[in-house]
Amino acid sequence: MRRALADNLRLDNADIPWSPPKVLPSSADLREGIATLKELLTPAPRPHILFCYGTLLSSFEPNVKAEPAKAQMRAEAWIEATGDIPADLWTLATKEALRSFKFMPRPVEIRALIDNRLTERRNFLARAERMLSVSGPKDAPFVEDTEEVKLRTILKWKKAANKWAEAAPLEIRLAKLEGREPESWVLDGGARNMSPVISDRPPLPEPSPRMRAATLRAAARNHEKDRPAYAALLNRQADLIDPPTIPAGSHAHPAAPVPAQADAEPVYDAGADE
């Protein structure tokens, strides 16, 4: 960006006019640079000017006593003469004057200290705006896709992924918007490599009592250490669903049944193990 803004050979050579480079920065970079340059050219606020002016006055004329009306007029004259100087350049000029001057500077001398920098910023801004104007057509305003375009795009990806059950209602909606009949693969109820409609698929089989009981017992083992009461509850419910087999000749007695239905689901009791 800075390379594109600089003069071809020498920045301070008035005999060599600046011209836009053949390869321009992107529009986004130019807009960002323009915003930054405008911020750098923002005039210093009145309190900042008065602070810098007061610093110079107290340093170079500490013993000069002026009438309030005359002091106010002098301060207003300084603000009028230097009001376009940005805050950072005002600070820079104040520091340079304190280092280099023996007597209280005039506004024209303050301006001379930062004139080159201020001119450079203004030139850079004008050049950036010129490059943006010749960088190409303006960015087209955002135009949202129509419903037909959205449906056509989604339908294309659904068909490419072989998700025909999801593509069918999209095709019907698109055909209605375009004033035509749906394609044959929808009207014929399917085509080669098409998946069956989800509603026509057989339901998943219910897990057997033994599988449900095994799931409960596995969950009980996970809670034996941290929630023993809850683990015992899960084991009892598993025994109700699929009672354990007692080996032949064993004198063990089954545990007293818990009054609950055989297909009861596990109840998560947060205070069961307290």
Protein backbone atom coordinates (compact mmCIF):
# COMPACT_ATOMS: atom_id res chain seq x y z
CA MET A 1 0.00 0.00 0.00
CA ARG A 2 2.71 2.52 0.99
CA ARG A 3 4.77 1.51 -2.05
CA ALA A 4 1.82 2.22 -4.33
CA LEU A 5 1.24 5.63 -2.73
CA ALA A 6 4.86 6.79 -2.96
CA ASP A 7 6.27 8.76 -5.90
CA ASN A 8 7.87 6.83 -8.71
CA LEU A 9 11.38 8.06 -7.99
CA ARG A 10 11.46 10.70 -5.25
CA LEU A 11 8.62 11.76 -3.02
CA ASP A 12 9.82 15.39 -2.80
CA ASN A 13 10.58 15.86 -6.52
CA ALA A 14 7.85 18.09 -7.97
CA ASP A 15 9.15 17.55 -11.52
CA ILE A 16 8.14 13.89 -11.45
CA PRO A 17 4.34 13.68 -11.12
CA TRP A 18 2.81 10.70 -9.40
CA SER A 19 0.82 8.19 -11.41
CA PRO A 20 -1.03 5.05 -10.27
CA PRO A 21 1.03 1.85 -10.49
CA LYS A 22 0.17 -0.82 -13.04
CA VAL A 23 -0.69 -3.30 -10.31
CA LEU A 24 -3.10 -1.69 -7.88
CA PRO A 25 -3.77 -2.80 -4.31
CA SER A 26 -7.05 -4.54 -3.68
CA SER A 27 -10.17 -2.47 -3.13
CA ALA A 28 -10.35 -3.70 0.46
CA ASP A 29 -6.78 -2.55 1.17
CA LEU A 30 -7.44 0.81 -0.46
CA ARG A 31 -10.58 1.39 1.60
CA GLU A 32 -8.75 0.45 4.77
CA GLY A 33 -5.87 2.77 3.89
CA ILE A 34 -8.24 5.65 3.11
CA ALA A 35 -9.98 5.21 6.47
CA THR A 36 -6.61 5.21 8.28
CA LEU A 37 -5.38 8.31 6.44
CA LYS A 38 -8.59 10.20 7.18
CA GLU A 39 -8.17 9.35 10.83
CA LEU A 40 -4.54 10.56 10.75
CA LEU A 41 -5.71 13.84 9.19
CA THR A 42 -8.36 14.52 11.83
CA PRO A 43 -7.64 17.97 13.37
CA ALA A 44 -6.55 18.01 16.99
CA PRO A 45 -9.32 18.76 19.47
CA ARG A 46 -9.35 22.20 21.08
CA PRO A 47 -8.18 20.96 24.54
CA HIS A 48 -5.10 19.32 22.97
CA ILE A 49 -4.15 22.50 21.11
CA LEU A 50 -4.51 24.56 24.28
CA PHE A 51 -2.40 22.04 26.21
CA CYS A 52 0.45 22.19 23.67
CA TYR A 53 0.18 25.98 23.45
CA GLY A 54 0.24 26.27 27.23
CA THR A 55 3.31 24.03 27.38
CA LEU A 56 5.16 26.32 24.97
CA LEU A 57 4.01 29.42 26.79
CA SER A 58 5.08 28.20 30.24
CA SER A 59 8.45 27.05 28.88
CA PHE A 60 9.42 30.13 26.83
CA GLU A 61 7.56 32.91 28.63
CA PRO A 62 7.23 31.80 32.25
CA ASN A 63 7.37 35.35 33.64
CA VAL A 64 5.12 37.09 31.13
CA LYS A 65 1.87 38.20 32.68
CA ALA A 66 -0.89 39.17 30.28
CA GLU A 67 -4.36 40.44 30.87
CA PRO A 68 -6.98 37.67 30.70
CA ALA A 69 -8.69 39.22 27.67
CA LYS A 70 -5.42 39.52 25.73
CA ALA A 71 -4.33 36.00 26.73
CA GLN A 72 -7.65 34.65 25.50
CA MET A 73 -7.33 36.51 22.18
CA ARG A 74 -3.79 35.18 21.72
CA ALA A 75 -4.90 31.60 22.40
CA GLU A 76 -7.79 31.92 19.94
CA ALA A 77 -5.40 33.21 17.29
CA TRP A 78 -3.20 30.14 17.78
CA ILE A 79 -6.20 27.82 17.48
CA GLU A 80 -7.28 29.59 14.29
CA ALA A 81 -3.79 29.33 12.75
CA THR A 82 -3.10 25.71 13.69
CA GLY A 83 -6.57 24.16 13.99
CA ASP A 84 -6.07 21.79 11.03
CA ILE A 85 -2.97 20.09 12.50
CA PRO A 86 -3.62 16.54 13.79
CA ALA A 87 -3.01 15.83 17.46
CA ASP A 88 0.05 13.62 16.96
CA LEU A 89 1.74 16.25 14.74
CA TRP A 90 0.92 18.99 17.26
CA THR A 91 2.66 16.92 19.95
CA LEU A 92 5.63 16.30 17.64
CA ALA A 93 5.97 20.00 16.83
CA THR A 94 5.78 20.97 20.53
CA LYS A 95 8.58 18.55 21.46
CA GLU A 96 10.74 19.72 18.54
CA ALA A 97 10.22 23.37 19.46
CA LEU A 98 11.20 22.72 23.08
CA ARG A 99 14.40 21.05 21.88
CA SER A 100 15.39 23.49 19.13
CA PHE A 101 13.96 26.96 19.78
CA LYS A 102 15.38 29.63 22.09
CA PHE A 103 12.31 31.87 22.04
CA MET A 104 8.57 31.39 21.88
CA PRO A 105 7.75 30.20 18.35
CA ARG A 106 5.05 31.70 16.18
CA PRO A 107 2.28 29.56 14.66
CA VAL A 108 3.98 29.66 11.26
CA GLU A 109 7.12 28.18 12.82
CA ILE A 110 5.12 25.39 14.43
CA ARG A 111 3.55 24.60 11.07
CA ALA A 112 6.97 24.53 9.40
CA LEU A 113 8.08 21.77 11.77
CA ILE A 114 5.40 19.35 10.58
CA ASP A 115 4.43 20.74 7.17
CA ASN A 116 6.16 17.95 5.21
CA ARG A 117 4.41 15.20 7.18
CA LEU A 118 1.02 16.88 6.90
CA THR A 119 1.44 17.38 3.14
CA GLU A 120 2.51 13.76 2.71
CA ARG A 121 -0.61 12.48 4.46
CA ARG A 122 -2.85 14.66 2.30
CA ASN A 123 -1.10 13.49 -0.87
CA PHE A 124 -1.41 9.87 0.19
CA LEU A 125 -5.12 10.29 0.81
CA ALA A 126 -5.70 11.89 -2.59
CA ARG A 127 -3.69 9.14 -4.31
CA ALA A 128 -5.48 6.33 -2.49
CA GLU A 129 -8.85 7.78 -3.45
CA ARG A 130 -7.68 8.10 -7.06
CA MET A 131 -6.49 4.47 -7.15
CA LEU A 132 -9.80 3.32 -5.71
CA SER A 133 -11.68 5.22 -8.41
CA VAL A 134 -9.69 3.51 -11.21
CA SER A 135 -9.31 0.08 -9.60
CA GLY A 136 -12.33 -1.29 -11.42
CA PRO A 137 -16.09 -1.38 -11.18
CA LYS A 138 -17.65 -0.71 -7.85
CA ASP A 139 -18.57 -3.71 -5.79
CA ALA A 140 -22.02 -4.85 -6.80
CA PRO A 141 -24.64 -4.60 -4.07
CA PHE A 142 -25.61 -7.85 -2.41
CA VAL A 143 -28.59 -9.50 -4.06
CA GLU A 144 -30.10 -12.48 -2.29
CA ASP A 145 -30.71 -15.57 -4.39
CA THR A 146 -34.28 -16.28 -5.38
CA GLU A 147 -36.09 -19.27 -3.95
CA GLU A 148 -35.73 -21.09 -7.27
CA VAL A 149 -31.94 -20.65 -7.23
CA LYS A 150 -31.72 -21.84 -3.61
CA LEU A 151 -33.88 -24.90 -4.29
CA ARG A 152 -31.96 -25.77 -7.45
CA THR A 153 -28.64 -25.59 -5.60
CA ILE A 154 -29.80 -27.70 -2.65
CA LEU A 155 -31.46 -30.20 -4.99
CA LYS A 156 -28.24 -30.60 -6.96
CA TRP A 157 -26.26 -31.51 -3.83
CA LYS A 158 -28.98 -33.85 -2.51
CA LYS A 159 -28.98 -35.79 -5.79
CA ALA A 160 -25.18 -35.88 -5.89
CA ALA A 161 -25.20 -37.39 -2.37
CA ASN A 162 -27.86 -39.99 -3.37
CA LYS A 163 -30.29 -38.54 -0.83
CA TRP A 164 -33.26 -39.06 -3.08
CA ALA A 165 -35.86 -39.15 -0.31
CA GLU A 166 -34.81 -35.62 0.68
CA ALA A 167 -34.51 -34.49 -2.93
CA ALA A 168 -38.03 -35.52 -3.95
CA PRO A 169 -39.95 -32.80 -2.02
CA LEU A 170 -37.42 -30.20 -3.21
CA GLU A 171 -38.03 -31.22 -6.83
CA ILE A 172 -41.79 -30.97 -6.33
CA ARG A 173 -41.47 -27.45 -4.86
CA LEU A 174 -39.11 -26.36 -7.63
CA ALA A 175 -41.39 -27.72 -10.34
CA LYS A 176 -44.35 -25.84 -8.86
CA LEU A 177 -42.39 -22.57 -8.82
CA GLU A 178 -41.22 -23.07 -12.41
CA GLY A 179 -44.70 -24.04 -13.62
CA ARG A 180 -43.83 -27.54 -14.82
CA GLU A 181 -44.34 -31.15 -13.86
CA PRO A 182 -41.84 -32.82 -11.52
CA GLU A 183 -39.19 -34.96 -13.17
CA SER A 184 -39.97 -38.56 -13.95
CA TRP A 185 -37.87 -40.01 -11.15
CA VAL A 186 -40.26 -38.40 -8.68
CA LEU A 187 -43.47 -39.36 -10.51
CA ASP A 188 -42.35 -42.99 -11.08
CA GLY A 189 -41.65 -43.46 -7.41
CA GLY A 190 -37.92 -43.92 -7.81
CA ALA A 191 -35.15 -44.75 -10.24
CA ARG A 192 -31.95 -46.72 -10.33
CA ASN A 193 -29.65 -46.15 -7.32
CA MET A 194 -32.40 -44.29 -5.46
CA SER A 195 -32.87 -44.98 -1.78
CA PRO A 196 -36.37 -45.95 -0.59
CA VAL A 197 -38.50 -43.28 1.03
CA ILE A 198 -37.79 -43.13 4.75
CA SER A 199 -41.44 -43.73 5.68
CA ASP A 200 -41.43 -47.00 3.67
CA ARG A 201 -38.47 -48.47 5.51
CA PRO A 202 -39.27 -51.19 8.05
CA PRO A 203 -39.09 -50.05 11.66
CA LEU A 204 -36.08 -51.03 13.72
CA PRO A 205 -36.64 -54.13 15.88
CA GLU A 206 -37.26 -53.62 19.58
CA PRO A 207 -34.42 -54.83 21.84
CA SER A 208 -35.05 -58.15 23.55
CA PRO A 209 -35.61 -58.31 27.35
CA ARG A 210 -32.18 -59.89 27.76
CA MET A 211 -30.57 -57.01 25.80
CA ARG A 212 -32.39 -54.41 27.91
CA ALA A 213 -31.36 -56.16 31.12
CA ALA A 214 -27.75 -56.38 29.94
CA THR A 215 -27.76 -52.64 29.24
CA LEU A 216 -29.06 -51.91 32.75
CA ARG A 217 -26.47 -54.19 34.36
CA ALA A 218 -23.68 -52.52 32.39
CA ALA A 219 -24.89 -49.13 33.57
CA ALA A 220 -25.00 -50.45 37.15
CA ARG A 221 -21.36 -51.55 36.96
CA ASN A 222 -20.38 -48.00 35.93
CA HIS A 223 -22.05 -46.56 39.05
CA GLU A 224 -20.99 -49.16 41.66
CA LYS A 225 -18.23 -46.98 43.13
CA ASP A 226 -19.71 -43.48 42.99
CA ARG A 227 -23.45 -44.26 43.34
CA PRO A 228 -23.91 -47.71 44.89
CA ALA A 229 -27.57 -47.20 45.77
CA TYR A 230 -28.40 -46.22 42.21
CA ALA A 231 -26.39 -49.20 40.88
CA ALA A 232 -28.41 -51.52 43.12
CA LEU A 233 -31.62 -50.00 41.73
CA LEU A 234 -30.50 -50.64 38.17
CA ASN A 235 -29.59 -54.26 39.01
CA ARG A 236 -33.01 -54.85 40.58
CA GLN A 237 -34.76 -53.46 37.51
CA ALA A 238 -32.59 -55.66 35.29
CA ASP A 239 -33.55 -58.72 37.39
CA LEU A 240 -37.23 -57.86 36.91
CA ILE A 241 -36.85 -57.68 33.14
CA ASP A 242 -34.62 -60.80 32.82
CA PRO A 243 -34.47 -62.78 36.08
CA PRO A 244 -31.09 -64.42 36.68
CA THR A 245 -30.92 -68.18 36.24
CA ILE A 246 -30.34 -70.13 39.49
CA PRO A 247 -28.05 -73.13 38.91
CA ALA A 248 -29.54 -76.58 39.59
CA GLY A 249 -28.97 -77.80 43.18
CA SER A 250 -28.34 -74.28 44.46
CA HIS A 251 -30.07 -73.31 47.74
CA ALA A 252 -29.93 -69.54 46.99
CA HIS A 253 -33.18 -67.72 47.27
CA PRO A 254 -34.09 -64.98 44.81
CA ALA A 255 -34.22 -61.46 46.13
CA ALA A 256 -37.54 -60.09 47.23
CA PRO A 257 -39.30 -58.60 44.24
CA VAL A 258 -39.58 -54.85 44.00
CA PRO A 259 -43.12 -53.68 43.30
CA ALA A 260 -42.61 -52.36 39.79
CA GLN A 261 -43.72 -53.30 36.31
CA ALA A 262 -41.62 -55.69 34.33
CA ASP A 263 -40.89 -53.21 31.55
CA ALA A 264 -40.22 -50.18 33.78
CA GLU A 265 -37.48 -47.87 32.59
CA PRO A 266 -34.64 -46.87 34.96
CA VAL A 267 -35.40 -43.82 37.05
CA TYR A 268 -32.49 -41.42 37.60
CA ASP A 269 -32.68 -40.35 41.24
CA ALA A 270 -30.07 -37.70 42.06
CA GLY A 271 -30.36 -38.37 45.79
CA ALA A 272 -30.51 -42.14 45.67
CA ASP A 273 -26.97 -42.64 46.94
CA GLU A 274 -26.99 -39.89 49.57
